[in-house]
């Protein structure tokens, strides 16, 4: 698994590296590594024109080191920096002096004129902006970021795009739109969640080959294809039958929202559950799903009396009626694994007694909130959740003793023991009605087939996004992607991965 580090973890690695008897010059190593990537991947001819933007901290020091190497290799390098040389950190000052000693110059502004830049190096701000007292970028740095984004040249950000929060993916006033982000030592959450995917471009990790006796233990990992491959169900044997692959029950579908429950049920069927039942709350529920007759429709009371029941999915199209509240209380008393989505989450947020029942459950519970639902569960607002998605996911898992996925750009899966996983699949095509219902059904199907609940959550979240990515390629864009298509694409992908 690929670890991801919060700023505190990166700082601890740097501290331990500095304390080694032969401490490595991390700034020089970072500068050389980034310069080599820029040379090999972006500078396709000799004597390229490169603009380097250097900030007042160690990120600026990295930029000076990059500038020096690129100049030594025959490129024409212009460095813009307004930092006070007497106030920059020691290592950054040393890198600045080395740049000047090599014959380089420092400009107080971005050079004017008709110069066409072959590449721009962003070394304005590094990973510390989350912790700074004045997070919002303004003044000349704001102007430089806005200008760089408009110069029609590839931008290489050092460690993280300037203006982007390393821990949370927030944008502090403005941020660099990077073509490539060369990140050092370890991956950062902000590159993958919130606004991170929009600003980071292609992410290249340079770990700088730091050798520590006892590095900090990571608690966050990347949820990517390689991890998903380790979670797959085993291929089916010839002597299997529908009872081999579990029973899933969907509870939801109140008046006007029957489709949500049917989507969740169809998703569970197509992702391999042996039997799927839907208990519809609507008083005008159809007797059969005419599109998917394999889905068995029941009354809620009959549904909750079924045995064995390997996973119960409650919430798709649930509504907030007194009837829904009563059925949710019964669902929380179930001894089955329980996936809670949509209005089931809203009802839990509104009723402390239900929240207590959820936290005291012995059987596994999985919560699947989007940011607004997460805010209700945590008694805060959506902005607060989005401003610290990593912490919000952790608080939900802790508060309700559950597995949780905070959905959105860079969905975050969290276990009750604090382990978190950042999803790398998915695209804006998932921003349409019903895709959350489909995800809930997928999780239920994988649990019914025998996956541990945490593994089922991880695989379903990655597969859900990967299905949308396949559709994105096939349709040349995210527009008009609908939930039912995700089901079809996910089934194809899962079969390809297993067989």
Protein backbone atom coordinates (compact mmCIF):
# COMPACT_ATOMS: atom_id res chain seq x y z
CA UNK A 1 0.00 0.00 0.00
CA UNK A 2 1.17 3.53 -0.78
CA UNK A 3 1.22 5.74 2.34
CA UNK A 4 -0.03 9.33 2.45
CA UNK A 5 1.21 11.78 5.08
CA UNK A 6 -0.29 14.79 6.77
CA UNK A 7 2.02 17.78 7.17
CA UNK A 8 2.90 16.72 10.72
CA UNK A 9 4.13 13.36 9.42
CA UNK A 10 6.28 14.97 6.71
CA UNK A 11 7.77 17.35 9.27
CA UNK A 12 8.63 14.43 11.53
CA UNK A 13 10.42 12.63 8.69
CA UNK A 14 12.35 15.83 7.94
CA UNK A 15 13.24 16.20 11.63
CA UNK A 16 14.53 12.65 11.87
CA UNK A 17 16.52 13.05 8.64
CA UNK A 18 18.15 16.23 9.96
CA UNK A 19 19.18 14.40 13.14
CA UNK A 20 21.06 11.65 11.28
CA UNK A 21 24.84 11.53 11.77
CA UNK A 22 25.21 12.08 8.03
CA UNK A 23 22.15 14.22 7.41
CA UNK A 24 21.19 14.40 3.74
CA UNK A 25 20.79 17.78 2.05
CA UNK A 26 17.11 17.34 1.30
CA UNK A 27 16.81 20.67 -0.54
CA UNK A 28 19.57 19.75 -2.98
CA UNK A 29 18.14 16.27 -3.49
CA UNK A 30 14.66 17.68 -4.09
CA UNK A 31 15.98 20.32 -6.49
CA UNK A 32 17.95 17.80 -8.51
CA UNK A 33 15.07 15.30 -8.65
CA UNK A 34 12.59 17.94 -9.82
CA UNK A 35 15.02 19.42 -12.34
CA UNK A 36 15.60 16.00 -13.89
CA UNK A 37 11.84 15.45 -14.27
CA UNK A 38 11.41 18.89 -15.86
CA UNK A 39 14.31 18.28 -18.25
CA UNK A 40 13.25 14.78 -19.25
CA UNK A 41 9.51 15.33 -19.55
CA UNK A 42 8.99 18.95 -20.58
CA UNK A 43 12.12 20.46 -22.13
CA UNK A 44 12.28 18.84 -25.56
CA UNK A 45 15.09 20.98 -26.98
CA UNK A 46 18.24 22.78 -25.85
CA UNK A 47 18.30 26.34 -24.46
CA UNK A 48 14.69 26.29 -23.25
CA UNK A 49 13.31 29.34 -21.49
CA UNK A 50 12.21 28.54 -17.93
CA UNK A 51 10.53 30.87 -15.43
CA UNK A 52 11.07 30.01 -11.77
CA UNK A 53 8.85 31.55 -9.08
CA UNK A 54 10.53 31.31 -5.67
CA UNK A 55 8.74 32.01 -2.42
CA UNK A 56 9.96 33.12 1.01
CA UNK A 57 10.35 29.66 2.59
CA UNK A 58 11.97 26.32 1.96
CA UNK A 59 9.76 25.75 -1.08
CA UNK A 60 11.52 28.78 -2.55
CA UNK A 61 14.85 27.17 -1.64
CA UNK A 62 13.85 24.07 -3.62
CA UNK A 63 13.04 26.38 -6.53
CA UNK A 64 16.49 28.01 -6.43
CA UNK A 65 18.10 24.57 -6.50
CA UNK A 66 15.96 23.59 -9.51
CA UNK A 67 16.90 26.83 -11.27
CA UNK A 68 20.61 26.24 -10.73
CA UNK A 69 20.54 22.72 -12.18
CA UNK A 70 18.45 23.73 -15.19
CA UNK A 71 20.83 26.61 -15.92
CA UNK A 72 23.87 24.34 -15.60
CA UNK A 73 22.29 22.09 -18.22
CA UNK A 74 22.16 24.89 -20.76
CA UNK A 75 18.71 26.39 -20.29
CA UNK A 76 17.86 30.08 -20.02
CA UNK A 77 16.41 30.47 -16.52
CA UNK A 78 14.75 33.54 -15.02
CA UNK A 79 14.04 33.56 -11.27
CA UNK A 80 11.45 35.86 -9.74
CA UNK A 81 11.53 36.27 -5.96
CA UNK A 82 10.56 39.07 -3.58
CA UNK A 83 11.62 37.36 -0.35
CA UNK A 84 13.86 39.22 2.07
CA UNK A 85 17.18 37.35 1.92
CA UNK A 86 17.80 38.06 5.61
CA UNK A 87 14.54 36.43 6.68
CA UNK A 88 14.42 33.24 4.63
CA UNK A 89 15.21 29.92 6.39
CA UNK A 90 18.84 28.87 6.56
CA UNK A 91 18.71 26.14 3.91
CA UNK A 92 16.71 28.34 1.53
CA UNK A 93 19.20 31.19 2.00
CA UNK A 94 22.04 28.83 1.15
CA UNK A 95 20.23 27.73 -2.03
CA UNK A 96 19.60 31.38 -2.97
CA UNK A 97 23.28 32.22 -2.49
CA UNK A 98 24.34 29.21 -4.57
CA UNK A 99 22.08 30.44 -7.39
CA UNK A 100 23.64 33.91 -7.27
CA UNK A 101 27.17 32.48 -7.04
CA UNK A 102 26.55 30.45 -10.19
CA UNK A 103 25.83 33.65 -12.10
CA UNK A 104 22.06 33.68 -11.77
CA UNK A 105 19.98 36.78 -11.20
CA UNK A 106 16.84 37.47 -9.15
CA UNK A 107 13.97 39.56 -10.51
CA UNK A 108 11.48 41.35 -8.30
CA UNK A 109 8.73 40.79 -10.88
CA UNK A 110 7.81 38.34 -13.57
CA UNK A 111 9.75 39.53 -16.63
CA UNK A 112 7.61 41.49 -19.08
CA UNK A 113 7.59 41.20 -22.84
CA UNK A 114 6.68 38.66 -25.43
CA UNK A 115 8.79 35.88 -23.92
CA UNK A 116 7.26 32.45 -24.53
CA UNK A 117 8.12 30.21 -21.59
CA UNK A 118 8.80 26.54 -22.22
CA UNK A 119 8.08 25.76 -18.57
CA UNK A 120 7.22 27.52 -15.31
CA UNK A 121 8.47 26.22 -11.95
CA UNK A 122 6.17 26.98 -9.03
CA UNK A 123 8.10 27.19 -5.77
CA UNK A 124 6.10 29.93 -4.05
CA UNK A 125 4.51 28.10 -1.13
CA UNK A 126 4.91 24.57 0.15
CA UNK A 127 3.03 22.34 2.53
CA UNK A 128 2.93 24.73 5.48
CA UNK A 129 0.13 26.96 4.25
CA UNK A 130 -2.49 24.91 6.16
CA UNK A 131 -0.80 25.84 9.43
CA UNK A 132 0.12 29.45 8.65
CA UNK A 133 -1.57 32.27 10.55
CA UNK A 134 -2.53 34.09 7.33
CA UNK A 135 -3.66 31.37 4.98
CA UNK A 136 -5.19 33.55 2.29
CA UNK A 137 -2.84 34.49 -0.53
CA UNK A 138 -2.95 38.14 -1.54
CA UNK A 139 -0.80 40.96 -2.84
CA UNK A 140 1.98 40.27 -5.32
CA UNK A 141 1.89 36.52 -4.73
CA UNK A 142 -1.77 36.47 -5.74
CA UNK A 143 -0.89 38.40 -8.90
CA UNK A 144 1.96 36.01 -9.69
CA UNK A 145 -0.26 32.94 -9.31
CA UNK A 146 -2.94 34.46 -11.53
CA UNK A 147 -0.34 35.47 -14.11
CA UNK A 148 1.35 32.07 -14.14
CA UNK A 149 -1.98 30.34 -14.70
CA UNK A 150 -2.54 32.53 -17.80
CA UNK A 151 0.90 32.21 -19.43
CA UNK A 152 0.00 29.19 -21.58
CA UNK A 153 3.02 27.17 -20.45
CA UNK A 154 3.27 23.90 -18.53
CA UNK A 155 3.65 24.51 -14.80
CA UNK A 156 5.61 22.24 -12.50
CA UNK A 157 4.72 22.69 -8.84
CA UNK A 158 7.26 21.70 -6.22
CA UNK A 159 5.76 19.54 -3.45
CA UNK A 160 2.22 20.97 -3.84
CA UNK A 161 0.62 23.64 -6.05
CA UNK A 162 1.06 26.98 -4.30
CA UNK A 163 -2.15 28.04 -2.58
CA UNK A 164 -3.45 24.48 -2.17
CA UNK A 165 -3.76 23.05 1.33
CA UNK A 166 -1.53 20.04 1.82
CA UNK A 167 -3.75 18.38 4.41
CA UNK A 168 -7.17 19.35 3.11
CA UNK A 169 -7.08 20.33 -0.58
CA UNK A 170 -8.53 23.78 0.15
CA UNK A 171 -7.69 26.74 -2.08
CA UNK A 172 -6.53 29.73 -0.06
CA UNK A 173 -7.60 32.60 -2.29
CA UNK A 174 -5.90 31.29 -5.43
CA UNK A 175 -3.79 28.31 -6.40
CA UNK A 176 -1.49 27.25 -9.20
CA UNK A 177 -3.04 25.00 -11.83
CA UNK A 178 -0.13 22.57 -12.16
CA UNK A 179 0.59 20.40 -15.15
CA UNK A 180 2.83 18.21 -13.01
CA UNK A 181 3.26 18.24 -9.25
CA UNK A 182 6.60 16.83 -8.11
CA UNK A 183 5.96 16.02 -4.48
CA UNK A 184 8.75 15.15 -2.06
CA UNK A 185 9.23 12.55 0.68
CA UNK A 186 5.61 11.29 0.67
CA UNK A 187 2.21 11.88 -0.88
CA UNK A 188 -0.08 14.48 0.70
CA UNK A 189 -3.86 14.22 1.17
CA UNK A 190 -4.52 17.63 -0.37
CA UNK A 191 -3.28 16.40 -3.73
CA UNK A 192 -6.11 13.88 -3.94
CA UNK A 193 -9.18 15.32 -2.24
CA UNK A 194 -11.37 18.43 -2.36
CA UNK A 195 -9.81 20.78 -4.98
CA UNK A 196 -6.59 18.78 -5.17
CA UNK A 197 -7.45 16.72 -8.27
CA UNK A 198 -8.38 19.91 -10.13
CA UNK A 199 -5.12 21.74 -9.38
CA UNK A 200 -2.43 19.06 -9.03
CA UNK A 201 -2.17 17.71 -12.56
CA UNK A 202 -0.06 14.58 -12.83
CA UNK A 203 1.52 13.69 -9.51
CA UNK A 204 5.10 12.39 -9.38
CA UNK A 205 6.51 11.23 -6.04
CA UNK A 206 10.21 11.68 -5.28
CA UNK A 207 10.83 10.06 -1.90
CA UNK A 208 14.44 11.36 -1.83
CA UNK A 209 15.61 7.96 -0.57
CA UNK A 210 15.51 8.94 3.08
CA UNK A 211 16.58 6.02 5.29
CA UNK A 212 15.24 6.23 8.85
CA UNK A 213 15.42 3.66 11.62
CA UNK A 214 11.89 4.37 12.90
CA UNK A 215 9.88 6.53 10.47
CA UNK A 216 6.40 7.61 11.58
CA UNK A 217 3.74 4.99 11.01
CA UNK A 218 1.27 6.10 8.33
CA UNK A 219 -2.46 5.98 9.01
CA UNK A 220 -3.54 7.09 5.53
CA UNK A 221 -3.09 5.16 2.30
CA UNK A 222 -3.88 5.60 -1.36
CA UNK A 223 -6.85 3.64 -2.69
CA UNK A 224 -5.69 2.81 -6.20
CA UNK A 225 -5.86 -0.05 -8.68
CA UNK A 226 -3.05 -1.99 -7.02
CA UNK A 227 -4.84 -1.96 -3.66
CA UNK A 228 -8.20 -2.78 -5.27
CA UNK A 229 -6.61 -5.82 -6.92
CA UNK A 230 -5.80 -7.28 -3.49
CA UNK A 231 -9.45 -7.04 -2.37
CA UNK A 232 -11.20 -8.91 -5.20
CA UNK A 233 -13.50 -11.88 -4.56
CA UNK A 234 -12.13 -15.24 -5.63
CA UNK A 235 -13.21 -16.63 -9.00
CA UNK A 236 -16.39 -18.67 -8.72
CA UNK A 237 -16.19 -22.44 -8.68
CA UNK A 238 -18.19 -24.66 -11.00
CA UNK A 239 -20.07 -26.13 -8.04
CA UNK A 240 -21.48 -22.80 -6.80
CA UNK A 241 -25.12 -21.71 -6.59
CA UNK A 242 -27.09 -18.58 -5.67
CA UNK A 243 -26.86 -19.43 -1.98
CA UNK A 244 -23.08 -19.22 -2.26
CA UNK A 245 -23.16 -15.48 -2.85
CA UNK A 246 -25.37 -14.16 -0.12
CA UNK A 247 -28.60 -12.27 0.36
CA UNK A 248 -28.91 -8.48 0.23
CA UNK A 249 -31.94 -6.50 1.37
CA UNK A 250 -32.67 -2.92 0.31
CA UNK A 251 -34.95 -0.89 2.58
CA UNK A 252 -36.23 2.38 1.11
CA UNK A 253 -38.24 3.66 -1.81
CA UNK A 254 -40.87 5.88 -0.22
CA UNK A 255 -43.47 7.76 -2.27
CA UNK A 256 -41.86 9.45 -5.26
CA UNK A 257 -38.46 7.82 -4.63
CA UNK A 258 -39.00 4.15 -5.49
CA UNK A 259 -36.34 4.45 -8.20
CA UNK A 260 -33.59 4.98 -5.64
CA UNK A 261 -34.28 1.64 -3.95
CA UNK A 262 -34.58 -0.12 -7.31
CA UNK A 263 -31.23 1.29 -8.44
CA UNK A 264 -29.57 0.04 -5.26
CA UNK A 265 -31.17 -3.38 -5.72
CA UNK A 266 -30.18 -3.66 -9.37
CA UNK A 267 -26.65 -2.63 -8.46
CA UNK A 268 -26.45 -5.41 -5.85
CA UNK A 269 -27.71 -7.94 -8.41
CA UNK A 270 -25.33 -6.92 -11.16
CA UNK A 271 -22.37 -6.88 -8.79
CA UNK A 272 -22.89 -10.52 -7.91
CA UNK A 273 -25.17 -10.97 -4.89
CA UNK A 274 -26.98 -14.32 -4.99
CA UNK A 275 -30.40 -12.92 -4.04
CA UNK A 276 -31.56 -9.33 -3.68
CA UNK A 277 -34.77 -8.20 -2.01
CA UNK A 278 -36.25 -4.71 -1.93
CA UNK A 279 -38.62 -3.62 0.81
CA UNK A 280 -40.41 -0.54 -0.55
CA UNK A 281 -41.97 2.00 1.78
CA UNK A 282 -44.18 3.52 -0.91
CA UNK A 283 -47.91 2.85 -0.58
CA UNK A 284 -48.07 2.69 -4.39
CA UNK A 285 -45.11 0.35 -4.84
CA UNK A 286 -45.18 -1.81 -7.97
CA UNK A 287 -45.67 -5.54 -7.50
CA UNK A 288 -42.56 -6.30 -9.56
CA UNK A 289 -39.58 -4.47 -11.02
CA UNK A 290 -40.51 -4.82 -14.69
CA UNK A 291 -37.03 -3.78 -15.82
CA UNK A 292 -35.28 -6.16 -13.40
CA UNK A 293 -37.72 -8.95 -12.50
CA UNK A 294 -34.94 -10.86 -10.72
CA UNK A 295 -35.21 -8.28 -7.96
CA UNK A 296 -37.67 -9.61 -5.37
CA UNK A 297 -40.02 -7.01 -3.94
CA UNK A 298 -41.31 -7.30 -0.38
CA UNK A 299 -43.10 -5.24 2.22
CA UNK A 300 -40.70 -3.75 4.77
CA UNK A 301 -41.96 -6.08 7.51
CA UNK A 302 -41.46 -9.17 5.33
CA UNK A 303 -38.05 -7.91 4.25
CA UNK A 304 -36.76 -7.47 7.79
CA UNK A 305 -37.99 -10.94 8.77
CA UNK A 306 -35.83 -12.64 6.11
CA UNK A 307 -33.09 -15.02 7.20
CA UNK A 308 -30.26 -15.35 6.54
CA UNK A 309 -29.63 -11.75 5.61
CA UNK A 310 -25.99 -11.00 4.92
CA UNK A 311 -26.32 -7.28 4.35
CA UNK A 312 -29.09 -4.73 4.82
CA UNK A 313 -28.91 -1.47 2.86
CA UNK A 314 -31.16 1.21 4.38
CA UNK A 315 -31.74 4.70 3.09
CA UNK A 316 -32.10 4.88 -0.72
CA UNK A 317 -35.28 6.88 -1.31
CA UNK A 318 -36.09 6.52 2.39
CA UNK A 319 -37.77 9.84 3.13
CA UNK A 320 -38.22 11.25 6.63
CA UNK A 321 -41.74 10.19 7.52
CA UNK A 322 -42.68 8.66 10.90
CA UNK A 323 -42.97 5.35 9.05
CA UNK A 324 -39.39 5.66 7.79
CA UNK A 325 -38.22 6.50 11.30
CA UNK A 326 -39.82 3.35 12.70
CA UNK A 327 -38.32 1.10 10.04
CA UNK A 328 -34.87 2.61 10.56
CA UNK A 329 -35.05 1.87 14.29
CA UNK A 330 -35.79 -1.78 13.46
CA UNK A 331 -32.96 -1.83 10.90
CA UNK A 332 -30.51 -0.54 13.51
CA UNK A 333 -31.52 -3.44 15.75
CA UNK A 334 -30.63 -5.93 13.01
CA UNK A 335 -27.76 -8.33 13.51
CA UNK A 336 -26.84 -8.07 9.83
CA UNK A 337 -24.12 -5.88 8.36
CA UNK A 338 -25.80 -2.53 7.72
CA UNK A 339 -25.12 0.04 4.98
CA UNK A 340 -26.71 3.43 5.74
CA UNK A 341 -27.20 6.01 3.01
CA UNK A 342 -29.17 9.15 2.15
CA UNK A 343 -32.18 9.88 4.39
CA UNK A 344 -31.21 7.14 6.84
CA UNK A 345 -28.20 9.33 7.67
CA UNK A 346 -30.35 12.44 7.96
CA UNK A 347 -32.72 10.72 10.37
CA UNK A 348 -29.79 9.57 12.51
CA UNK A 349 -28.51 13.16 12.58
CA UNK A 350 -31.94 14.40 13.70
CA UNK A 351 -32.61 11.78 16.39
CA UNK A 352 -29.98 11.26 19.12
CA UNK A 353 -31.59 7.96 20.17
CA UNK A 354 -30.94 6.51 16.71
CA UNK A 355 -27.36 7.82 16.82
CA UNK A 356 -26.83 6.02 20.13
CA UNK A 357 -28.27 2.81 18.69
CA UNK A 358 -25.90 3.06 15.74
CA UNK A 359 -22.87 3.59 17.94
CA UNK A 360 -23.77 0.58 20.11
CA UNK A 361 -24.34 -1.90 17.27
CA UNK A 362 -22.32 -5.11 17.45
CA UNK A 363 -22.69 -5.94 13.76
CA UNK A 364 -20.69 -3.87 11.22
CA UNK A 365 -22.12 -0.55 10.05
CA UNK A 366 -21.06 1.40 6.96
CA UNK A 367 -22.05 5.04 6.49
CA UNK A 368 -21.88 6.68 3.05
CA UNK A 369 -22.48 10.45 3.49
CA UNK A 370 -21.86 13.19 0.98
CA UNK A 371 -20.54 16.45 2.53
CA UNK A 372 -23.96 17.89 3.43
CA UNK A 373 -25.03 14.64 5.14
CA UNK A 374 -21.68 14.49 6.92
CA UNK A 375 -22.22 18.03 8.18
CA UNK A 376 -25.58 17.04 9.66
CA UNK A 377 -24.06 13.99 11.34
CA UNK A 378 -21.35 16.18 12.88
CA UNK A 379 -23.67 19.08 13.74
CA UNK A 380 -21.70 21.52 11.62
CA UNK A 381 -21.95 22.99 8.12
CA UNK A 382 -20.84 21.74 4.72
CA UNK A 383 -18.03 24.28 4.43
CA UNK A 384 -16.49 23.03 7.68
CA UNK A 385 -16.57 19.47 6.40
CA UNK A 386 -14.99 20.39 3.07
CA UNK A 387 -12.35 22.51 4.79
CA UNK A 388 -11.10 19.44 6.65
CA UNK A 389 -12.37 16.33 4.88
CA UNK A 390 -9.75 14.04 6.43
CA UNK A 391 -10.81 15.02 9.95
CA UNK A 392 -14.54 14.87 9.14
CA UNK A 393 -14.29 11.29 7.88
CA UNK A 394 -12.31 10.32 10.97
CA UNK A 395 -14.84 11.93 13.34
CA UNK A 396 -17.79 10.13 11.72
CA UNK A 397 -16.08 6.73 11.97
CA UNK A 398 -15.15 7.40 15.60
CA UNK A 399 -18.45 8.90 16.71
CA UNK A 400 -20.61 6.11 15.29
CA UNK A 401 -18.16 3.20 15.66
CA UNK A 402 -18.46 2.44 11.97
CA UNK A 403 -16.83 2.32 8.58
CA UNK A 404 -17.47 5.50 6.64
CA UNK A 405 -16.90 6.99 3.21
CA UNK A 406 -17.04 10.75 2.84
CA UNK A 407 -18.01 11.05 -0.81
CA UNK A 408 -16.86 13.75 -3.20
CA UNK A 409 -13.73 14.54 -5.20
CA UNK A 410 -11.20 12.21 -3.61
CA UNK A 411 -13.62 10.16 -1.51
CA UNK A 412 -12.18 9.27 1.89
CA UNK A 413 -12.84 5.86 3.42
CA UNK A 414 -12.24 5.64 7.16
CA UNK A 415 -12.29 2.73 9.60
CA UNK A 416 -13.20 3.08 13.26
CA UNK A 417 -9.56 2.45 14.25
CA UNK A 418 -8.52 5.60 12.37
CA UNK A 419 -7.17 4.08 9.14
CA UNK A 420 -8.06 6.22 6.14
CA UNK A 421 -7.89 5.59 2.41
CA UNK A 422 -7.95 8.25 -0.32
CA UNK A 423 -9.73 7.15 -3.48
CA UNK A 424 -8.05 7.93 -6.79
CA UNK A 425 -10.84 6.93 -9.20
CA UNK A 426 -13.90 8.84 -10.37
CA UNK A 427 -14.78 12.02 -12.21
CA UNK A 428 -17.54 14.71 -12.34
CA UNK A 429 -19.83 12.32 -14.22
CA UNK A 430 -20.72 10.88 -10.81
CA UNK A 431 -22.41 14.19 -9.95
CA UNK A 432 -25.84 12.95 -10.93
CA UNK A 433 -28.87 11.55 -9.11
CA UNK A 434 -28.75 7.91 -8.08
CA UNK A 435 -25.01 7.27 -8.14
CA UNK A 436 -24.93 7.10 -4.33
CA UNK A 437 -27.74 4.51 -4.38
CA UNK A 438 -25.68 2.46 -6.82
CA UNK A 439 -22.63 2.63 -4.54
CA UNK A 440 -24.68 1.47 -1.54
CA UNK A 441 -25.93 -1.53 -3.50
CA UNK A 442 -22.40 -2.38 -4.62
CA UNK A 443 -21.13 -2.39 -1.04
CA UNK A 444 -24.00 -4.66 -0.01
CA UNK A 445 -23.28 -7.09 -2.85
CA UNK A 446 -19.60 -7.42 -1.96
CA UNK A 447 -20.34 -7.98 1.73
CA UNK A 448 -22.89 -10.65 0.82
CA UNK A 449 -20.23 -12.43 -1.24
CA UNK A 450 -18.01 -12.74 1.80
CA UNK A 451 -15.73 -9.72 1.76
CA UNK A 452 -14.93 -8.15 5.09
CA UNK A 453 -16.99 -4.95 5.42
CA UNK A 454 -13.97 -2.65 5.29
CA UNK A 455 -12.59 -4.38 2.22
CA UNK A 456 -16.03 -4.34 0.59
CA UNK A 457 -16.22 -0.60 1.17
CA UNK A 458 -12.78 0.04 -0.33
CA UNK A 459 -13.35 -2.13 -3.38
CA UNK A 460 -16.82 -0.72 -4.03
CA UNK A 461 -15.65 2.90 -3.77
CA UNK A 462 -12.75 2.35 -6.14
CA UNK A 463 -14.82 0.26 -8.57
CA UNK A 464 -17.62 2.83 -8.55
CA UNK A 465 -15.18 5.55 -9.61
CA UNK A 466 -13.37 3.31 -12.10
CA UNK A 467 -16.68 2.51 -13.80
CA UNK A 468 -17.31 6.24 -14.20
CA UNK A 469 -13.78 6.65 -15.60
CA UNK A 470 -14.45 3.98 -18.22
CA UNK A 471 -17.68 5.72 -19.23
CA UNK A 472 -15.81 9.04 -19.37
CA UNK A 473 -13.44 7.57 -21.96
CA UNK A 474 -16.20 5.91 -23.96
CA UNK A 475 -18.39 9.02 -24.07
CA UNK A 476 -15.49 11.51 -24.37
CA UNK A 477 -16.67 13.44 -21.33
CA UNK A 478 -18.75 13.34 -18.14
CA UNK A 479 -21.88 15.06 -19.44
CA UNK A 480 -25.07 13.04 -19.17
CA UNK A 481 -23.56 10.09 -17.30
CA UNK A 482 -26.38 8.38 -15.38
CA UNK A 483 -26.42 6.03 -12.44
CA UNK A 484 -27.73 2.98 -14.28
CA UNK A 485 -24.75 3.15 -16.65
CA UNK A 486 -22.39 2.91 -13.68
CA UNK A 487 -23.91 -0.47 -12.80
CA UNK A 488 -23.23 -1.91 -16.25
CA UNK A 489 -19.68 -0.58 -16.42
CA UNK A 490 -18.87 -1.76 -12.90
CA UNK A 491 -20.04 -5.30 -13.64
CA UNK A 492 -17.80 -5.43 -16.74
CA UNK A 493 -14.79 -4.12 -14.85
CA UNK A 494 -15.22 -6.48 -11.90
CA UNK A 495 -15.38 -9.48 -14.22
CA UNK A 496 -12.27 -8.28 -16.06
CA UNK A 497 -10.35 -7.82 -12.82
CA UNK A 498 -11.29 -11.23 -11.39
CA UNK A 499 -11.10 -13.33 -14.54
